[in-house]
Structures are given as C-alpha cells and as structure tokens.
Amino acid sequence: MNIMYKLRVKEILKTQGRTGRDLATELGMTEVGLYKAIGENGNPSLKRLQDIADSLNVEVWELFTERPEESEISGFIKAKGVIYEIKSLQDIENLLDILRL
C-alpha cells in the first residue's frame, strides 16, 4: 500500500529560515534523499518522521498539519507489519506511544 500525503517540511523550514540542505545534513542524508523520502511517493519510517520533527523542533503531527482542530487528518500507517488507521492527532500520538514500547 502506498499512502499519499504532503508533509509541511518545506513550509516549516522556510518559517525557520533554514534550507532542505541544512535539514538533510543534520539527518545525515543528501538533500535529494530527503526530498525523495518526504515527497508524495516517499515512504519515510516513523523513526525518520520523528527524526525530522526533532530536527525541526516540532511535533510529528505538525509535519502533516498546522492546526489539527482546523484540518482533517486521515490515512493509514503500516508499522511493524500492522496497519493502523489514523483519523486524528490523538491516533498519531497513540501510535507513537505504542511504537515506543
């Protein structure tokens, strides 16, 4: 299953006055690799999403939407062979808690 989504990484970088190259360097990857991972056809792992969020000093959910109360969150995430349905910010937070165990 390939999930289509748009991450707000470029937008967040712009507001922070940073570049994709800055972020890629922090993550130990190339800028091309970063944009392939976060692009529409990318498939970053939850760990990679957490690493990106940490580098940007934001929560993981902020990579998907700026204000969860004003945006619809919907999708599926496959982690450790299990598919989880995501309908809210709380679902994302719960999944992160499960995966940290």
N, C-alpha and C. Protein backbone atom coordinates (compact mmCIF):
# COMPACT_ATOMS: atom_id res chain seq x y z
N MET A 1 0.84 -1.17 0.00
CA MET A 1 0.00 0.00 0.00
C MET A 1 0.89 1.24 0.00
N ASN A 2 0.61 2.18 -0.87
CA ASN A 2 1.35 3.43 -0.93
C ASN A 2 0.43 4.55 -0.49
N ILE A 3 0.78 5.23 0.57
CA ILE A 3 -0.06 6.28 1.12
C ILE A 3 0.40 7.62 0.56
N MET A 4 -0.55 8.40 0.07
CA MET A 4 -0.23 9.72 -0.46
C MET A 4 -0.47 10.75 0.63
N TYR A 5 0.48 11.62 0.82
CA TYR A 5 0.34 12.68 1.80
C TYR A 5 1.31 13.78 1.43
N LYS A 6 1.11 14.90 2.02
CA LYS A 6 2.03 16.01 1.79
C LYS A 6 2.53 16.48 3.14
N LEU A 7 3.82 16.40 3.32
CA LEU A 7 4.41 16.88 4.55
C LEU A 7 4.72 18.38 4.43
N ARG A 8 4.70 19.06 5.54
CA ARG A 8 4.91 20.51 5.57
C ARG A 8 6.37 20.88 5.81
N VAL A 9 7.29 20.00 5.50
CA VAL A 9 8.70 20.23 5.82
C VAL A 9 9.21 21.51 5.17
N LYS A 10 8.97 21.70 3.89
CA LYS A 10 9.46 22.90 3.20
C LYS A 10 8.90 24.17 3.85
N GLU A 11 7.62 24.14 4.17
CA GLU A 11 6.97 25.30 4.79
C GLU A 11 7.58 25.60 6.16
N ILE A 12 7.81 24.56 6.95
CA ILE A 12 8.40 24.74 8.28
C ILE A 12 9.83 25.27 8.15
N LEU A 13 10.60 24.70 7.23
CA LEU A 13 11.96 25.17 7.01
C LEU A 13 11.97 26.65 6.65
N LYS A 14 11.07 27.06 5.78
CA LYS A 14 11.01 28.45 5.34
C LYS A 14 10.74 29.37 6.53
N THR A 15 9.79 28.99 7.39
CA THR A 15 9.48 29.84 8.55
C THR A 15 10.65 29.91 9.53
N GLN A 16 11.50 28.90 9.52
CA GLN A 16 12.66 28.87 10.40
C GLN A 16 13.91 29.48 9.76
N GLY A 17 13.78 29.88 8.48
CA GLY A 17 14.92 30.47 7.79
C GLY A 17 16.01 29.44 7.49
N ARG A 18 15.60 28.21 7.29
CA ARG A 18 16.54 27.12 7.02
C ARG A 18 16.27 26.55 5.64
N THR A 19 17.17 25.68 5.19
CA THR A 19 17.01 25.05 3.88
C THR A 19 16.91 23.53 4.03
N GLY A 20 16.48 22.91 2.95
CA GLY A 20 16.44 21.45 2.91
C GLY A 20 17.83 20.86 3.08
N ARG A 21 18.82 21.56 2.56
CA ARG A 21 20.20 21.10 2.70
C ARG A 21 20.62 21.09 4.17
N ASP A 22 20.22 22.13 4.92
CA ASP A 22 20.51 22.19 6.35
C ASP A 22 19.93 20.97 7.07
N LEU A 23 18.66 20.70 6.79
CA LEU A 23 17.98 19.59 7.43
C LEU A 23 18.60 18.25 7.04
N ALA A 24 18.85 18.09 5.74
CA ALA A 24 19.44 16.83 5.26
C ALA A 24 20.78 16.57 5.94
N THR A 25 21.59 17.61 6.07
CA THR A 25 22.90 17.47 6.73
C THR A 25 22.72 17.03 8.18
N GLU A 26 21.78 17.65 8.88
CA GLU A 26 21.50 17.26 10.27
C GLU A 26 21.09 15.79 10.37
N LEU A 27 20.35 15.32 9.37
CA LEU A 27 19.84 13.96 9.37
C LEU A 27 20.83 12.95 8.80
N GLY A 28 21.95 13.44 8.30
CA GLY A 28 22.97 12.55 7.75
C GLY A 28 22.57 11.95 6.41
N MET A 29 21.88 12.75 5.60
CA MET A 29 21.46 12.27 4.29
C MET A 29 21.64 13.39 3.28
N THR A 30 21.48 13.05 1.99
CA THR A 30 21.57 14.08 0.96
C THR A 30 20.25 14.83 0.86
N GLU A 31 20.31 16.01 0.30
CA GLU A 31 19.10 16.80 0.10
C GLU A 31 18.14 16.07 -0.85
N VAL A 32 18.68 15.46 -1.89
CA VAL A 32 17.85 14.69 -2.83
C VAL A 32 17.17 13.53 -2.09
N GLY A 33 17.93 12.83 -1.25
CA GLY A 33 17.37 11.73 -0.47
C GLY A 33 16.26 12.19 0.46
N LEU A 34 16.47 13.35 1.08
CA LEU A 34 15.44 13.90 1.96
C LEU A 34 14.16 14.16 1.20
N TYR A 35 14.26 14.84 0.07
CA TYR A 35 13.05 15.18 -0.67
C TYR A 35 12.38 13.96 -1.31
N LYS A 36 13.15 12.94 -1.63
CA LYS A 36 12.53 11.69 -2.09
C LYS A 36 11.76 11.04 -0.95
N ALA A 37 12.32 11.07 0.25
CA ALA A 37 11.69 10.44 1.41
C ALA A 37 10.39 11.13 1.81
N ILE A 38 10.35 12.45 1.69
CA ILE A 38 9.17 13.19 2.15
C ILE A 38 8.22 13.57 1.02
N GLY A 39 8.56 13.24 -0.21
CA GLY A 39 7.71 13.57 -1.34
C GLY A 39 6.47 12.69 -1.38
N GLU A 40 5.59 12.95 -2.32
CA GLU A 40 4.32 12.22 -2.43
C GLU A 40 4.52 10.72 -2.56
N ASN A 41 5.58 10.30 -3.22
CA ASN A 41 5.83 8.87 -3.39
C ASN A 41 6.81 8.31 -2.37
N GLY A 42 7.22 9.16 -1.44
CA GLY A 42 8.14 8.72 -0.40
C GLY A 42 7.42 7.83 0.61
N ASN A 43 8.19 7.15 1.40
CA ASN A 43 7.62 6.27 2.42
C ASN A 43 8.53 6.29 3.65
N PRO A 44 8.62 7.48 4.31
CA PRO A 44 9.53 7.55 5.45
C PRO A 44 9.01 6.71 6.61
N SER A 45 9.93 6.11 7.33
CA SER A 45 9.55 5.34 8.52
C SER A 45 9.10 6.30 9.62
N LEU A 46 8.44 5.75 10.62
CA LEU A 46 8.05 6.59 11.75
C LEU A 46 9.28 7.15 12.44
N LYS A 47 10.34 6.37 12.48
CA LYS A 47 11.59 6.88 13.08
C LYS A 47 12.11 8.06 12.29
N ARG A 48 12.09 7.96 10.96
CA ARG A 48 12.56 9.06 10.13
C ARG A 48 11.68 10.29 10.34
N LEU A 49 10.35 10.10 10.42
CA LEU A 49 9.46 11.22 10.68
C LEU A 49 9.78 11.86 12.03
N GLN A 50 10.04 11.04 13.03
CA GLN A 50 10.39 11.56 14.36
C GLN A 50 11.71 12.32 14.31
N ASP A 51 12.69 11.79 13.56
CA ASP A 51 13.98 12.47 13.42
C ASP A 51 13.81 13.83 12.74
N ILE A 52 12.98 13.87 11.71
CA ILE A 52 12.71 15.13 11.01
C ILE A 52 12.04 16.11 11.96
N ALA A 53 11.02 15.65 12.67
CA ALA A 53 10.31 16.52 13.62
C ALA A 53 11.26 17.04 14.68
N ASP A 54 12.11 16.16 15.22
CA ASP A 54 13.07 16.59 16.24
C ASP A 54 14.02 17.65 15.69
N SER A 55 14.51 17.45 14.47
CA SER A 55 15.43 18.41 13.86
C SER A 55 14.76 19.76 13.61
N LEU A 56 13.47 19.71 13.34
CA LEU A 56 12.71 20.95 13.10
C LEU A 56 12.14 21.54 14.38
N ASN A 57 12.31 20.80 15.49
CA ASN A 57 11.78 21.23 16.78
C ASN A 57 10.26 21.39 16.75
N VAL A 58 9.60 20.41 16.13
CA VAL A 58 8.13 20.38 16.09
C VAL A 58 7.67 18.98 16.47
N GLU A 59 6.39 18.83 16.71
CA GLU A 59 5.80 17.51 16.97
C GLU A 59 5.57 16.82 15.62
N VAL A 60 5.53 15.50 15.62
CA VAL A 60 5.34 14.75 14.37
C VAL A 60 4.07 15.18 13.65
N TRP A 61 2.98 15.36 14.39
CA TRP A 61 1.72 15.73 13.73
C TRP A 61 1.84 17.05 12.99
N GLU A 62 2.75 17.94 13.42
CA GLU A 62 2.91 19.22 12.76
C GLU A 62 3.53 19.08 11.37
N LEU A 63 4.12 17.93 11.09
CA LEU A 63 4.63 17.69 9.75
C LEU A 63 3.49 17.50 8.75
N PHE A 64 2.32 17.13 9.26
CA PHE A 64 1.17 16.86 8.41
C PHE A 64 0.18 18.01 8.36
N THR A 65 0.02 18.73 9.46
CA THR A 65 -0.97 19.79 9.51
C THR A 65 -0.54 20.84 10.53
N GLU A 66 -0.90 22.08 10.28
CA GLU A 66 -0.50 23.15 11.19
C GLU A 66 -1.38 23.19 12.42
N ARG A 67 -2.67 23.08 12.24
CA ARG A 67 -3.60 23.15 13.35
C ARG A 67 -4.59 22.00 13.23
N PRO A 68 -4.45 20.98 14.07
CA PRO A 68 -5.31 19.80 13.92
C PRO A 68 -6.79 20.12 14.07
N GLU A 69 -7.13 21.13 14.83
CA GLU A 69 -8.55 21.45 15.01
C GLU A 69 -9.17 22.05 13.75
N GLU A 70 -8.31 22.53 12.83
CA GLU A 70 -8.82 23.13 11.60
C GLU A 70 -8.59 22.25 10.38
N SER A 71 -7.96 21.11 10.55
CA SER A 71 -7.62 20.27 9.42
C SER A 71 -8.11 18.85 9.64
N GLU A 72 -8.40 18.19 8.57
CA GLU A 72 -8.80 16.79 8.65
C GLU A 72 -7.56 15.92 8.51
N ILE A 73 -7.40 14.99 9.42
CA ILE A 73 -6.31 14.03 9.36
C ILE A 73 -6.92 12.69 9.04
N SER A 74 -6.41 12.03 8.02
CA SER A 74 -6.98 10.75 7.64
C SER A 74 -5.94 9.96 6.88
N GLY A 75 -5.82 8.68 7.23
CA GLY A 75 -4.89 7.84 6.50
C GLY A 75 -4.59 6.56 7.23
N PHE A 76 -3.66 5.81 6.69
CA PHE A 76 -3.24 4.54 7.26
C PHE A 76 -1.73 4.53 7.36
N ILE A 77 -1.22 3.96 8.43
CA ILE A 77 0.22 3.81 8.61
C ILE A 77 0.49 2.34 8.90
N LYS A 78 1.45 1.79 8.17
CA LYS A 78 1.86 0.41 8.43
C LYS A 78 3.15 0.46 9.24
N ALA A 79 3.11 -0.12 10.41
CA ALA A 79 4.28 -0.13 11.29
C ALA A 79 4.44 -1.51 11.89
N LYS A 80 5.62 -2.07 11.75
CA LYS A 80 5.91 -3.40 12.28
C LYS A 80 4.89 -4.43 11.81
N GLY A 81 4.49 -4.32 10.55
CA GLY A 81 3.59 -5.29 9.95
C GLY A 81 2.12 -5.10 10.28
N VAL A 82 1.79 -4.08 11.05
CA VAL A 82 0.40 -3.83 11.43
C VAL A 82 -0.06 -2.52 10.78
N ILE A 83 -1.27 -2.52 10.24
CA ILE A 83 -1.81 -1.31 9.63
C ILE A 83 -2.71 -0.61 10.65
N TYR A 84 -2.43 0.66 10.88
CA TYR A 84 -3.19 1.48 11.81
C TYR A 84 -3.94 2.56 11.04
N GLU A 85 -5.21 2.74 11.36
CA GLU A 85 -5.98 3.82 10.75
C GLU A 85 -5.80 5.07 11.58
N ILE A 86 -5.51 6.17 10.93
CA ILE A 86 -5.29 7.44 11.60
C ILE A 86 -6.43 8.40 11.21
N LYS A 87 -7.15 8.87 12.23
CA LYS A 87 -8.25 9.80 11.99
C LYS A 87 -8.09 11.10 12.76
N SER A 88 -7.09 11.16 13.65
CA SER A 88 -6.94 12.34 14.49
C SER A 88 -5.52 12.46 15.00
N LEU A 89 -5.24 13.61 15.56
CA LEU A 89 -3.96 13.82 16.21
C LEU A 89 -3.77 12.81 17.33
N GLN A 90 -4.82 12.53 18.06
CA GLN A 90 -4.74 11.56 19.15
C GLN A 90 -4.32 10.18 18.64
N ASP A 91 -4.83 9.78 17.47
CA ASP A 91 -4.43 8.50 16.88
C ASP A 91 -2.93 8.46 16.61
N ILE A 92 -2.38 9.57 16.11
CA ILE A 92 -0.94 9.63 15.84
C ILE A 92 -0.17 9.52 17.14
N GLU A 93 -0.60 10.27 18.16
CA GLU A 93 0.08 10.22 19.45
C GLU A 93 0.01 8.83 20.06
N ASN A 94 -1.16 8.17 19.97
CA ASN A 94 -1.31 6.82 20.49
C ASN A 94 -0.39 5.84 19.79
N LEU A 95 -0.29 5.95 18.46
CA LEU A 95 0.57 5.07 17.69
C LEU A 95 2.04 5.28 18.08
N LEU A 96 2.44 6.52 18.25
CA LEU A 96 3.82 6.77 18.67
C LEU A 96 4.08 6.16 20.04
N ASP A 97 3.14 6.25 20.94
CA ASP A 97 3.29 5.62 22.26
C ASP A 97 3.43 4.11 22.15
N ILE A 98 2.62 3.50 21.30
CA ILE A 98 2.67 2.05 21.11
C ILE A 98 4.04 1.64 20.56
N LEU A 99 4.54 2.39 19.60
CA LEU A 99 5.79 2.03 18.95
C LEU A 99 7.02 2.31 19.83
N ARG A 100 6.88 3.14 20.81
CA ARG A 100 7.99 3.43 21.73
C ARG A 100 8.14 2.33 22.77
N LEU A 101 7.12 1.50 22.97
CA LEU A 101 7.18 0.45 23.99
C LEU A 101 8.21 -0.60 23.66
